[in-house]
Amino acid sequence: EIDSSFICVGNPDEKYSCLASARKGLFLDAEGSSKAYQESKLVSEGTIRCNSCHLIVPKRSQRCRECSQYRKILNAMLFRISGKEDADADRSNPSSHTNYRYLNTPEKSQ
C-alpha cells in the first residue's frame, strides 16, 4: 500500500507565491492561528500546504482533500488582491466617477 502512495503536492502553483511572500510563508486565520504554511522540504519547488494535510495520498490523487479545500481559500485571496489592484487603477482613470476629494495629490494632477 505504501508503494502505491505518493506525497501530497499541496498547492505549488506559481500564482500563489505572492501570497506566501507577503505572509512570510505562514497563513493565519482571523483569530491568528496558523492554517497553512509554505514548505519546500518534501516537494522540490515549494508548495503551500494546509496544516491538516495528510501528506500521503493514493496514486490517483494529486493532493489531499484538505489542501484541495484550502486551494479555494487561496484563490479567493488572489481574487481579492486582483480586485484591489483593479480598483486602484480604475480610480485614477480620468473618466472615473471618483469624487475629487478622495483622490490623492498625484491623481488630482492627472
PDB file of N, CA and C in Angstrom:
ATOM      1  N   GLU A   1       0.825  -1.196   0.000  1.00  0.00           N
ATOM      2  CA  GLU A   1       0.000   0.000   0.000  1.00  0.00           C
ATOM      3  C   GLU A   1       0.868   1.258   0.000  1.00  0.00           C
ATOM      4  N   ILE A   2       1.943   1.278   0.748  1.00  0.00           N
ATOM      5  CA  ILE A   2       2.840   2.429   0.769  1.00  0.00           C
ATOM      6  C   ILE A   2       3.493   2.613  -0.598  1.00  0.00           C
ATOM      7  N   ASP A   3       3.795   1.499  -1.274  1.00  0.00           N
ATOM      8  CA  ASP A   3       4.429   1.589  -2.596  1.00  0.00           C
ATOM      9  C   ASP A   3       3.539   2.304  -3.607  1.00  0.00           C
ATOM     10  N   SER A   4       2.234   2.202  -3.430  1.00  0.00           N
ATOM     11  CA  SER A   4       1.324   2.835  -4.386  1.00  0.00           C
ATOM     12  C   SER A   4       0.856   4.208  -3.909  1.00  0.00           C
ATOM     13  N   SER A   5       1.496   4.741  -2.874  1.00  0.00           N
ATOM     14  CA  SER A   5       1.121   6.055  -2.341  1.00  0.00           C
ATOM     15  C   SER A   5       2.122   7.119  -2.772  1.00  0.00           C
ATOM     16  N   PHE A   6       1.668   8.354  -2.755  1.00  0.00           N
ATOM     17  CA  PHE A   6       2.506   9.478  -3.141  1.00  0.00           C
ATOM     18  C   PHE A   6       2.388  10.590  -2.111  1.00  0.00           C
ATOM     19  N   ILE A   7       3.301  11.543  -2.179  1.00  0.00           N
ATOM     20  CA  ILE A   7       3.258  12.705  -1.300  1.00  0.00           C
ATOM     21  C   ILE A   7       2.307  13.723  -1.902  1.00  0.00           C
ATOM     22  N   CYS A   8       1.466  14.278  -1.073  1.00  0.00           N
ATOM     23  CA  CYS A   8       0.533  15.324  -1.498  1.00  0.00           C
ATOM     24  C   CYS A   8       1.332  16.501  -2.050  1.00  0.00           C
ATOM     25  N   VAL A   9       0.930  17.005  -3.207  1.00  0.00           N
ATOM     26  CA  VAL A   9       1.665  18.123  -3.809  1.00  0.00           C
ATOM     27  C   VAL A   9       1.303  19.460  -3.177  1.00  0.00           C
ATOM     28  N   GLY A  10       0.245  19.502  -2.377  1.00  0.00           N
ATOM     29  CA  GLY A  10      -0.181  20.764  -1.776  1.00  0.00           C
ATOM     30  C   GLY A  10      -0.670  21.715  -2.848  1.00  0.00           C
ATOM     31  N   ASN A  11      -0.230  22.960  -2.797  1.00  0.00           N
ATOM     32  CA  ASN A  11      -0.606  23.976  -3.788  1.00  0.00           C
ATOM     33  C   ASN A  11       0.662  24.666  -4.290  1.00  0.00           C
ATOM     34  N   PRO A  12       1.361  24.036  -5.243  1.00  0.00           N
ATOM     35  CA  PRO A  12       2.652  24.557  -5.686  1.00  0.00           C
ATOM     36  C   PRO A  12       2.573  25.637  -6.766  1.00  0.00           C
ATOM     37  N   ASP A  13       1.383  26.055  -7.153  1.00  0.00           N
ATOM     38  CA  ASP A  13       1.218  26.979  -8.271  1.00  0.00           C
ATOM     39  C   ASP A  13       1.998  28.277  -8.052  1.00  0.00           C
ATOM     40  N   GLU A  14       2.606  28.735  -9.102  1.00  0.00           N
ATOM     41  CA  GLU A  14       3.400  29.971  -9.059  1.00  0.00           C
ATOM     42  C   GLU A  14       2.538  31.177  -8.698  1.00  0.00           C
ATOM     43  N   LYS A  15       1.276  31.140  -9.078  1.00  0.00           N
ATOM     44  CA  LYS A  15       0.388  32.278  -8.814  1.00  0.00           C
ATOM     45  C   LYS A  15       0.186  32.535  -7.317  1.00  0.00           C
ATOM     46  N   TYR A  16       0.452  31.537  -6.478  1.00  0.00           N
ATOM     47  CA  TYR A  16       0.296  31.699  -5.037  1.00  0.00           C
ATOM     48  C   TYR A  16       1.560  32.219  -4.362  1.00  0.00           C
ATOM     49  N   SER A  17       2.657  32.343  -5.093  1.00  0.00           N
ATOM     50  CA  SER A  17       3.923  32.747  -4.473  1.00  0.00           C
ATOM     51  C   SER A  17       3.851  34.161  -3.898  1.00  0.00           C
ATOM     52  N   CYS A  18       3.084  35.056  -4.543  1.00  0.00           N
ATOM     53  CA  CYS A  18       2.971  36.416  -3.999  1.00  0.00           C
ATOM     54  C   CYS A  18       2.240  36.406  -2.657  1.00  0.00           C
ATOM     55  N   LEU A  19       1.282  35.490  -2.500  1.00  0.00           N
ATOM     56  CA  LEU A  19       0.571  35.371  -1.223  1.00  0.00           C
ATOM     57  C   LEU A  19       1.514  34.873  -0.135  1.00  0.00           C
ATOM     58  N   ALA A  20       2.322  33.891  -0.480  1.00  0.00           N
ATOM     59  CA  ALA A  20       3.244  33.319   0.501  1.00  0.00           C
ATOM     60  C   ALA A  20       4.314  34.321   0.911  1.00  0.00           C
ATOM     61  N   SER A  21       4.851  35.062  -0.042  1.00  0.00           N
ATOM     62  CA  SER A  21       5.908  36.022   0.298  1.00  0.00           C
ATOM     63  C   SER A  21       5.356  37.178   1.127  1.00  0.00           C
ATOM     64  N   ALA A  22       4.125  37.595   0.856  1.00  0.00           N
ATOM     65  CA  ALA A  22       3.522  38.680   1.637  1.00  0.00           C
ATOM     66  C   ALA A  22       3.261  38.254   3.076  1.00  0.00           C
ATOM     67  N   ARG A  23       3.050  36.963   3.293  1.00  0.00           N
ATOM     68  CA  ARG A  23       2.762  36.444   4.633  1.00  0.00           C
ATOM     69  C   ARG A  23       3.962  35.744   5.267  1.00  0.00           C
ATOM     70  N   LYS A  24       5.116  35.874   4.631  1.00  0.00           N
ATOM     71  CA  LYS A  24       6.348  35.224   5.111  1.00  0.00           C
ATOM     72  C   LYS A  24       6.169  33.721   5.274  1.00  0.00           C
ATOM     73  N   GLY A  25       5.377  33.117   4.378  1.00  0.00           N
ATOM     74  CA  GLY A  25       5.211  31.669   4.349  1.00  0.00           C
ATOM     75  C   GLY A  25       4.229  31.107   5.353  1.00  0.00           C
ATOM     76  N   LEU A  26       3.558  31.943   6.123  1.00  0.00           N
ATOM     77  CA  LEU A  26       2.627  31.465   7.142  1.00  0.00           C
ATOM     78  C   LEU A  26       1.250  32.089   6.919  1.00  0.00           C
ATOM     79  N   PHE A  27       0.246  31.255   6.819  1.00  0.00           N
ATOM     80  CA  PHE A  27      -1.118  31.704   6.566  1.00  0.00           C
ATOM     81  C   PHE A  27      -1.939  31.548   7.845  1.00  0.00           C
ATOM     82  N   LEU A  28      -2.449  32.668   8.346  1.00  0.00           N
ATOM     83  CA  LEU A  28      -3.205  32.689   9.596  1.00  0.00           C
ATOM     84  C   LEU A  28      -4.681  32.935   9.310  1.00  0.00           C
ATOM     85  N   ASP A  29      -5.543  32.437  10.211  1.00  0.00           N
ATOM     86  CA  ASP A  29      -6.971  32.741  10.088  1.00  0.00           C
ATOM     87  C   ASP A  29      -7.274  34.040  10.836  1.00  0.00           C
ATOM     88  N   ALA A  30      -8.549  34.397  10.917  1.00  0.00           N
ATOM     89  CA  ALA A  30      -8.957  35.662  11.544  1.00  0.00           C
ATOM     90  C   ALA A  30      -8.574  35.731  13.016  1.00  0.00           C
ATOM     91  N   GLU A  31      -8.518  34.594  13.681  1.00  0.00           N
ATOM     92  CA  GLU A  31      -8.156  34.560  15.109  1.00  0.00           C
ATOM     93  C   GLU A  31      -6.652  34.561  15.332  1.00  0.00           C
ATOM     94  N   GLY A  32      -5.874  34.426  14.263  1.00  0.00           N
ATOM     95  CA  GLY A  32      -4.423  34.438  14.389  1.00  0.00           C
ATOM     96  C   GLY A  32      -3.776  33.081  14.490  1.00  0.00           C
ATOM     97  N   SER A  33      -4.547  32.002  14.383  1.00  0.00           N
ATOM     98  CA  SER A  33      -3.945  30.669  14.432  1.00  0.00           C
ATOM     99  C   SER A  33      -3.557  30.219  13.020  1.00  0.00           C
ATOM    100  N   SER A  34      -2.512  29.454  12.935  1.00  0.00           N
ATOM    101  CA  SER A  34      -1.965  29.020  11.658  1.00  0.00           C
ATOM    102  C   SER A  34      -2.896  28.031  10.959  1.00  0.00           C
ATOM    103  N   LYS A  35      -3.139  28.264   9.669  1.00  0.00           N
ATOM    104  CA  LYS A  35      -3.979  27.369   8.861  1.00  0.00           C
ATOM    105  C   LYS A  35      -3.181  26.654   7.789  1.00  0.00           C
ATOM    106  N   ALA A  36      -2.141  27.312   7.276  1.00  0.00           N
ATOM    107  CA  ALA A  36      -1.323  26.724   6.220  1.00  0.00           C
ATOM    108  C   ALA A  36       0.067  27.346   6.264  1.00  0.00           C
ATOM    109  N   TYR A  37       0.993  26.730   5.547  1.00  0.00           N
ATOM    110  CA  TYR A  37       2.372  27.211   5.544  1.00  0.00           C
ATOM    111  C   TYR A  37       3.020  26.869   4.207  1.00  0.00           C
ATOM    112  N   GLN A  38       4.079  27.577   3.895  1.00  0.00           N
ATOM    113  CA  GLN A  38       4.849  27.281   2.699  1.00  0.00           C
ATOM    114  C   GLN A  38       6.001  26.373   3.100  1.00  0.00           C
ATOM    115  N   GLU A  39       6.150  25.265   2.385  1.00  0.00           N
ATOM    116  CA  GLU A  39       7.256  24.363   2.698  1.00  0.00           C
ATOM    117  C   GLU A  39       7.916  23.883   1.421  1.00  0.00           C
ATOM    118  N   SER A  40       9.194  23.555   1.533  1.00  0.00           N
ATOM    119  CA  SER A  40       9.946  23.107   0.365  1.00  0.00           C
ATOM    120  C   SER A  40      10.797  21.877   0.654  1.00  0.00           C
ATOM    121  N   LYS A  41      10.526  21.210   1.751  1.00  0.00           N
ATOM    122  CA  LYS A  41      11.342  20.054   2.108  1.00  0.00           C
ATOM    123  C   LYS A  41      10.919  18.792   1.360  1.00  0.00           C
ATOM    124  N   LEU A  42       9.611  18.535   1.263  1.00  0.00           N
ATOM    125  CA  LEU A  42       9.132  17.308   0.624  1.00  0.00           C
ATOM    126  C   LEU A  42       8.938  17.462  -0.882  1.00  0.00           C
ATOM    127  N   VAL A  43       8.699  18.671  -1.321  1.00  0.00           N
ATOM    128  CA  VAL A  43       8.487  18.941  -2.741  1.00  0.00           C
ATOM    129  C   VAL A  43       9.564  19.924  -3.180  1.00  0.00           C
ATOM    130  N   SER A  44      10.253  19.632  -4.270  1.00  0.00           N
ATOM    131  CA  SER A  44      11.436  20.411  -4.638  1.00  0.00           C
ATOM    132  C   SER A  44      11.138  21.875  -4.941  1.00  0.00           C
ATOM    133  N   GLU A  45      10.017  22.187  -5.594  1.00  0.00           N
ATOM    134  CA  GLU A  45       9.762  23.574  -5.988  1.00  0.00           C
ATOM    135  C   GLU A  45       9.038  24.391  -4.936  1.00  0.00           C
ATOM    136  N   GLY A  46       8.680  23.818  -3.819  1.00  0.00           N
ATOM    137  CA  GLY A  46       7.970  24.541  -2.767  1.00  0.00           C
ATOM    138  C   GLY A  46       6.469  24.496  -2.997  1.00  0.00           C
ATOM    139  N   THR A  47       5.723  24.497  -1.921  1.00  0.00           N
ATOM    140  CA  THR A  47       4.279  24.403  -2.019  1.00  0.00           C
ATOM    141  C   THR A  47       3.632  25.020  -0.787  1.00  0.00           C
ATOM    142  N   ILE A  48       2.363  25.361  -0.911  1.00  0.00           N
ATOM    143  CA  ILE A  48       1.596  25.818   0.247  1.00  0.00           C
ATOM    144  C   ILE A  48       0.762  24.638   0.703  1.00  0.00           C
ATOM    145  N   ARG A  49       0.986  24.248   1.940  1.00  0.00           N
ATOM    146  CA  ARG A  49       0.356  23.054   2.476  1.00  0.00           C
ATOM    147  C   ARG A  49      -0.515  23.412   3.676  1.00  0.00           C
ATOM    148  N   CYS A  50      -1.717  22.873   3.701  1.00  0.00           N
ATOM    149  CA  CYS A  50      -2.639  23.059   4.821  1.00  0.00           C
ATOM    150  C   CYS A  50      -2.059  22.360   6.061  1.00  0.00           C
ATOM    151  N   ASN A  51      -2.273  22.922   7.237  1.00  0.00           N
ATOM    152  CA  ASN A  51      -1.744  22.306   8.467  1.00  0.00           C
ATOM    153  C   ASN A  51      -2.282  20.898   8.688  1.00  0.00           C
ATOM    154  N   SER A  52      -3.487  20.627   8.218  1.00  0.00           N
ATOM    155  CA  SER A  52      -4.084  19.308   8.419  1.00  0.00           C
ATOM    156  C   SER A  52      -3.854  18.379   7.221  1.00  0.00           C
ATOM    157  N   CYS A  53      -2.850  18.678   6.407  1.00  0.00           N
ATOM    158  CA  CYS A  53      -2.521  17.853   5.233  1.00  0.00           C
ATOM    159  C   CYS A  53      -2.154  16.442   5.680  1.00  0.00           C
ATOM    160  N   HIS A  54      -2.626  15.451   4.925  1.00  0.00           N
ATOM    161  CA  HIS A  54      -2.337  14.051   5.258  1.00  0.00           C
ATOM    162  C   HIS A  54      -0.963  13.599   4.760  1.00  0.00           C
ATOM    163  N   LEU A  55      -0.341  14.378   3.887  1.00  0.00           N
ATOM    164  CA  LEU A  55       0.972  14.116   3.292  1.00  0.00           C
ATOM    165  C   LEU A  55       0.989  12.915   2.350  1.00  0.00           C
ATOM    166  N   ILE A  56       0.323  11.828   2.681  1.00  0.00           N
ATOM    167  CA  ILE A  56       0.285  10.637   1.831  1.00  0.00           C
ATOM    168  C   ILE A  56      -1.067  10.581   1.130  1.00  0.00           C
ATOM    169  N   VAL A  57      -1.029  10.442  -0.193  1.00  0.00           N
ATOM    170  CA  VAL A  57      -2.263  10.349  -0.979  1.00  0.00           C
ATOM    171  C   VAL A  57      -2.191   9.134  -1.895  1.00  0.00           C
ATOM    172  N   PRO A  58      -3.346   8.603  -2.297  1.00  0.00           N
ATOM    173  CA  PRO A  58      -3.330   7.484  -3.234  1.00  0.00           C
ATOM    174  C   PRO A  58      -2.794   7.902  -4.599  1.00  0.00           C
ATOM    175  N   LYS A  59      -2.431   6.964  -5.396  1.00  0.00           N
ATOM    176  CA  LYS A  59      -1.800   7.231  -6.687  1.00  0.00           C
ATOM    177  C   LYS A  59      -2.652   8.098  -7.599  1.00  0.00           C
ATOM    178  N   ARG A  60      -3.954   7.923  -7.543  1.00  0.00           N
ATOM    179  CA  ARG A  60      -4.820   8.645  -8.468  1.00  0.00           C
ATOM    180  C   ARG A  60      -5.057  10.104  -8.057  1.00  0.00           C
ATOM    181  N   SER A  61      -4.627  10.499  -6.884  1.00  0.00           N
ATOM    182  CA  SER A  61      -4.844  11.872  -6.392  1.00  0.00           C
ATOM    183  C   SER A  61      -3.589  12.704  -6.525  1.00  0.00           C
ATOM    184  N   GLN A  62      -3.766  13.993  -6.739  1.00  0.00           N
ATOM    185  CA  GLN A  62      -2.634  14.913  -6.719  1.00  0.00           C
ATOM    186  C   GLN A  62      -2.426  15.496  -5.338  1.00  0.00           C
ATOM    187  N   ARG A  63      -3.517  15.862  -4.697  1.00  0.00           N
ATOM    188  CA  ARG A  63      -3.426  16.494  -3.384  1.00  0.00           C
ATOM    189  C   ARG A  63      -4.509  15.930  -2.481  1.00  0.00           C
ATOM    190  N   CYS A  64      -4.290  16.060  -1.192  1.00  0.00           N
ATOM    191  CA  CYS A  64      -5.261  15.568  -0.218  1.00  0.00           C
ATOM    192  C   CYS A  64      -6.497  16.474  -0.203  1.00  0.00           C
ATOM    193  N   ARG A  65      -7.524  16.020   0.438  1.00  0.00           N
ATOM    194  CA  ARG A  65      -8.780  16.772   0.486  1.00  0.00           C
ATOM    195  C   ARG A  65      -8.604  18.120   1.182  1.00  0.00           C
ATOM    196  N   GLU A  66      -7.820  18.160   2.245  1.00  0.00           N
ATOM    197  CA  GLU A  66      -7.618  19.398   2.991  1.00  0.00           C
ATOM    198  C   GLU A  66      -6.895  20.454   2.146  1.00  0.00           C
ATOM    199  N   CYS A  67      -5.867  20.050   1.418  1.00  0.00           N
ATOM    200  CA  CYS A  67      -5.149  21.002   0.554  1.00  0.00           C
ATOM    201  C   CYS A  67      -6.039  21.442  -0.610  1.00  0.00           C
ATOM    202  N   SER A  68      -6.880  20.554  -1.095  1.00  0.00           N
ATOM    203  CA  SER A  68      -7.832  20.932  -2.150  1.00  0.00           C
ATOM    204  C   SER A  68      -8.821  21.967  -1.632  1.00  0.00           C
ATOM    205  N   GLN A  69      -9.282  21.796  -0.415  1.00  0.00           N
ATOM    206  CA  GLN A  69     -10.197  22.768   0.175  1.00  0.00           C
ATOM    207  C   GLN A  69      -9.497  24.101   0.410  1.00  0.00           C
ATOM    208  N   TYR A  70      -8.257  24.064   0.862  1.00  0.00           N
ATOM    209  CA  TYR A  70      -7.532  25.310   1.118  1.00  0.00           C
ATOM    210  C   TYR A  70      -7.214  26.046  -0.182  1.00  0.00           C
ATOM    211  N   ARG A  71      -7.138  25.314  -1.279  1.00  0.00           N
ATOM    212  CA  ARG A  71      -6.909  25.906  -2.591  1.00  0.00           C
ATOM    213  C   ARG A  71      -8.008  26.927  -2.925  1.00  0.00           C
ATOM    214  N   LYS A  72      -9.232  26.633  -2.520  1.00  0.00           N
ATOM    215  CA  LYS A  72     -10.348  27.558  -2.745  1.00  0.00           C
ATOM    216  C   LYS A  72     -10.112  28.867  -1.985  1.00  0.00           C
ATOM    217  N   ILE A  73      -9.584  28.768  -0.787  1.00  0.00           N
ATOM    218  CA  ILE A  73      -9.285  29.960   0.015  1.00  0.00           C
ATOM    219  C   ILE A  73      -8.156  30.762  -0.639  1.00  0.00           C
ATOM    220  N   LEU A  74      -7.135  30.074  -1.136  1.00  0.00           N
ATOM    221  CA  LEU A  74      -6.034  30.761  -1.818  1.00  0.00           C
ATOM    222  C   LEU A  74      -6.540  31.500  -3.056  1.00  0.00           C
ATOM    223  N   ASN A  75      -7.433  30.866  -3.807  1.00  0.00           N
ATOM    224  CA  ASN A  75      -7.999  31.516  -4.987  1.00  0.00           C
ATOM    225  C   ASN A  75      -8.825  32.741  -4.598  1.00  0.00           C
ATOM    226  N   ALA A  76      -9.544  32.656  -3.494  1.00  0.00           N
ATOM    227  CA  ALA A  76     -10.319  33.805  -3.017  1.00  0.00           C
ATOM    228  C   ALA A  76      -9.379  34.940  -2.616  1.00  0.00           C
ATOM    229  N   MET A  77      -8.249  34.610  -1.977  1.00  0.00           N
ATOM    230  CA  MET A  77      -7.259  35.637  -1.618  1.00  0.00           C
ATOM    231  C   MET A  77      -6.720  36.331  -2.874  1.00  0.00           C
ATOM    232  N   LEU A  78      -6.403  35.537  -3.900  1.00  0.00           N
ATOM    233  CA  LEU A  78      -5.920  36.107  -5.152  1.00  0.00           C
ATOM    234  C   LEU A  78      -6.966  37.005  -5.795  1.00  0.00           C
ATOM    235  N   PHE A  79      -8.211  36.578  -5.755  1.00  0.00           N
ATOM    236  CA  PHE A  79      -9.300  37.354  -6.336  1.00  0.00           C
ATOM    237  C   PHE A  79      -9.436  38.701  -5.627  1.00  0.00           C
ATOM    238  N   ARG A  80      -9.335  38.687  -4.296  1.00  0.00           N
ATOM    239  CA  ARG A  80      -9.428  39.934  -3.536  1.00  0.00           C
ATOM    240  C   ARG A  80      -8.282  40.876  -3.865  1.00  0.00           C
ATOM    241  N   ILE A  81      -7.082  40.330  -3.991  1.00  0.00           N
ATOM    242  CA  ILE A  81      -5.917  41.156  -4.324  1.00  0.00           C
ATOM    243  C   ILE A  81      -6.079  41.753  -5.718  1.00  0.00           C
ATOM    244  N   SER A  82      -6.498  40.959  -6.673  1.00  0.00           N
ATOM    245  CA  SER A  82      -6.659  41.478  -8.038  1.00  0.00           C
ATOM    246  C   SER A  82      -7.776  42.513  -8.087  1.00  0.00           C
ATOM    247  N   GLY A  83      -8.803  42.368  -7.277  1.00  0.00           N
ATOM    248  CA  GLY A  83      -9.882  43.347  -7.220  1.00  0.00           C
ATOM    249  C   GLY A  83      -9.402  44.675  -6.676  1.00  0.00           C
ATOM    250  N   LYS A  84      -8.522  44.641  -5.676  1.00  0.00           N
ATOM    251  CA  LYS A  84      -7.980  45.882  -5.096  1.00  0.00           C
ATOM    252  C   LYS A  84      -7.094  46.598  -6.109  1.00  0.00           C
ATOM    253  N   GLU A  85      -6.287  45.830  -6.844  1.00  0.00           N
ATOM    254  CA  GLU A  85      -5.413  46.440  -7.843  1.00  0.00           C
ATOM    255  C   GLU A  85      -6.246  47.084  -8.947  1.00  0.00           C
ATOM    256  N   ASP A  86      -7.311  46.405  -9.369  1.00  0.00           N
ATOM    257  CA  ASP A  86      -8.185  46.955 -10.404  1.00  0.00           C
ATOM    258  C   ASP A  86      -8.870  48.218  -9.908  1.00  0.00           C
ATOM    259  N   ALA A  87      -9.286  48.233  -8.657  1.00  0.00           N
ATOM    260  CA  ALA A  87      -9.971  49.398  -8.096  1.00  0.00           C
ATOM    261  C   ALA A  87      -9.017  50.589  -8.007  1.00  0.00           C
ATOM    262  N   ASP A  88      -7.781  50.348  -7.612  1.00  0.00           N
ATOM    263  CA  ASP A  88      -6.797  51.431  -7.536  1.00  0.00           C
ATOM    264  C   ASP A  88      -6.498  51.987  -8.923  1.00  0.00           C
ATOM    265  N   ALA A  89      -6.364  51.112  -9.903  1.00  0.00           N
ATOM    266  CA  ALA A  89      -6.083  51.562 -11.264  1.00  0.00           C
ATOM    267  C   ALA A  89      -7.283  52.312 -11.837  1.00  0.00           C
ATOM    268  N   ASP A  90      -8.461  51.847 -11.534  1.00  0.00           N
ATOM    269  CA  ASP A  90      -9.666  52.454 -12.071  1.00  0.00           C
ATOM    270  C   ASP A  90      -9.933  53.821 -11.445  1.00  0.00           C
ATOM    271  N   ARG A  91      -9.539  54.006 -10.204  1.00  0.00           N
ATOM    272  CA  ARG A  91      -9.790  55.257  -9.501  1.00  0.00           C
ATOM    273  C   ARG A  91      -9.055  56.423 -10.145  1.00  0.00           C
ATOM    274  N   SER A  92      -7.877  56.173 -10.693  1.00  0.00           N
ATOM    275  CA  SER A  92      -7.104  57.253 -11.302  1.00  0.00           C
ATOM    276  C   SER A  92      -7.438  57.438 -12.782  1.00  0.00           C
ATOM    277  N   ASN A  93      -8.333  56.656 -13.299  1.00  0.00           N
ATOM    278  CA  ASN A  93      -8.785  56.787 -14.677  1.00  0.00           C
ATOM    279  C   ASN A  93      -9.501  58.130 -14.831  1.00  0.00           C
ATOM    280  N   PRO A  94      -9.148  58.942 -15.825  1.00  0.00           N
ATOM    281  CA  PRO A  94      -9.776  60.261 -15.972  1.00  0.00           C
ATOM    282  C   PRO A  94     -11.288  60.194 -16.156  1.00  0.00           C
ATOM    283  N   SER A  95     -11.781  59.096 -16.667  1.00  0.00           N
ATOM    284  CA  SER A  95     -13.221  59.004 -16.878  1.00  0.00           C
ATOM    285  C   SER A  95     -13.947  58.378 -15.686  1.00  0.00           C
ATOM    286  N   SER A  96     -13.211  58.124 -14.597  1.00  0.00           N
ATOM    287  CA  SER A  96     -13.861  57.521 -13.435  1.00  0.00           C
ATOM    288  C   SER A  96     -14.767  58.545 -12.746  1.00  0.00           C
ATOM    289  N   HIS A  97     -15.625  58.069 -11.915  1.00  0.00           N
ATOM    290  CA  HIS A  97     -16.575  58.932 -11.218  1.00  0.00           C
ATOM    291  C   HIS A  97     -16.179  59.143  -9.765  1.00  0.00           C
ATOM    292  N   THR A  98     -14.890  59.010  -9.484  1.00  0.00           N
ATOM    293  CA  THR A  98     -14.393  59.217  -8.135  1.00  0.00           C
ATOM    294  C   THR A  98     -14.431  60.703  -7.797  1.00  0.00           C
ATOM    295  N   ASN A  99     -14.958  61.001  -6.638  1.00  0.00           N
ATOM    296  CA  ASN A  99     -15.028  62.386  -6.193  1.00  0.00           C
ATOM    297  C   ASN A  99     -13.615  62.930  -6.019  1.00  0.00           C
ATOM    298  N   TYR A 100     -13.411  64.175  -6.400  1.00  0.00           N
ATOM    299  CA  TYR A 100     -12.101  64.826  -6.356  1.00  0.00           C
ATOM    300  C   TYR A 100     -11.466  64.760  -4.972  1.00  0.00           C
ATOM    301  N   ARG A 101     -12.258  64.868  -3.919  1.00  0.00           N
ATOM    302  CA  ARG A 101     -11.702  64.900  -2.558  1.00  0.00           C
ATOM    303  C   ARG A 101     -11.115  63.551  -2.131  1.00  0.00           C
ATOM    304  N   TYR A 102     -11.465  62.444  -2.824  1.00  0.00           N
ATOM    305  CA  TYR A 102     -10.933  61.130  -2.479  1.00  0.00           C
ATOM    306  C   TYR A 102      -9.666  60.790  -3.240  1.00  0.00           C
ATOM    307  N   LEU A 103      -9.259  61.615  -4.166  1.00  0.00           N
ATOM    308  CA  LEU A 103      -8.038  61.374  -4.927  1.00  0.00           C
ATOM    309  C   LEU A 103      -6.848  61.904  -4.145  1.00  0.00           C
ATOM    310  N   ASN A 104      -5.712  61.194  -4.237  1.00  0.00           N
ATOM    311  CA  ASN A 104      -4.506  61.711  -3.594  1.00  0.00           C
ATOM    312  C   ASN A 104      -3.854  62.720  -4.550  1.00  0.00           C
ATOM    313  N   THR A 105      -2.837  63.408  -4.130  1.00  0.00           N
ATOM    314  CA  THR A 105      -2.264  64.516  -4.881  1.00  0.00           C
ATOM    315  C   THR A 105      -1.814  64.134  -6.299  1.00  0.00           C
ATOM    316  N   PRO A 106      -1.093  63.035  -6.500  1.00  0.00           N
ATOM    317  CA  PRO A 106      -0.706  62.686  -7.880  1.00  0.00           C
ATOM    318  C   PRO A 106      -1.925  62.418  -8.762  1.00  0.00           C
ATOM    319  N   GLU A 107      -2.972  61.836  -8.209  1.00  0.00           N
ATOM    320  CA  GLU A 107      -4.156  61.546  -9.003  1.00  0.00           C
ATOM    321  C   GLU A 107      -4.916  62.830  -9.375  1.00  0.00           C
ATOM    322  N   LYS A 108      -4.841  63.836  -8.519  1.00  0.00           N
ATOM    323  CA  LYS A 108      -5.525  65.102  -8.806  1.00  0.00           C
ATOM    324  C   LYS A 108      -4.902  65.837  -9.983  1.00  0.00           C
ATOM    325  N   SER A 109      -3.616  65.647 -10.180  1.00  0.00           N
ATOM    326  CA  SER A 109      -2.933  66.359 -11.262  1.00  0.00           C
ATOM    327  C   SER A 109      -3.156  65.712 -12.623  1.00  0.00           C
ATOM    328  N   GLN A 110      -3.713  64.544 -12.664  1.00  0.00           N
ATOM    329  CA  GLN A 110      -3.927  63.849 -13.944  1.00  0.00           C
ATOM    330  C   GLN A 110      -5.136  64.377 -14.679  1.00  0.00           C
TER     331      GLN A 110
END
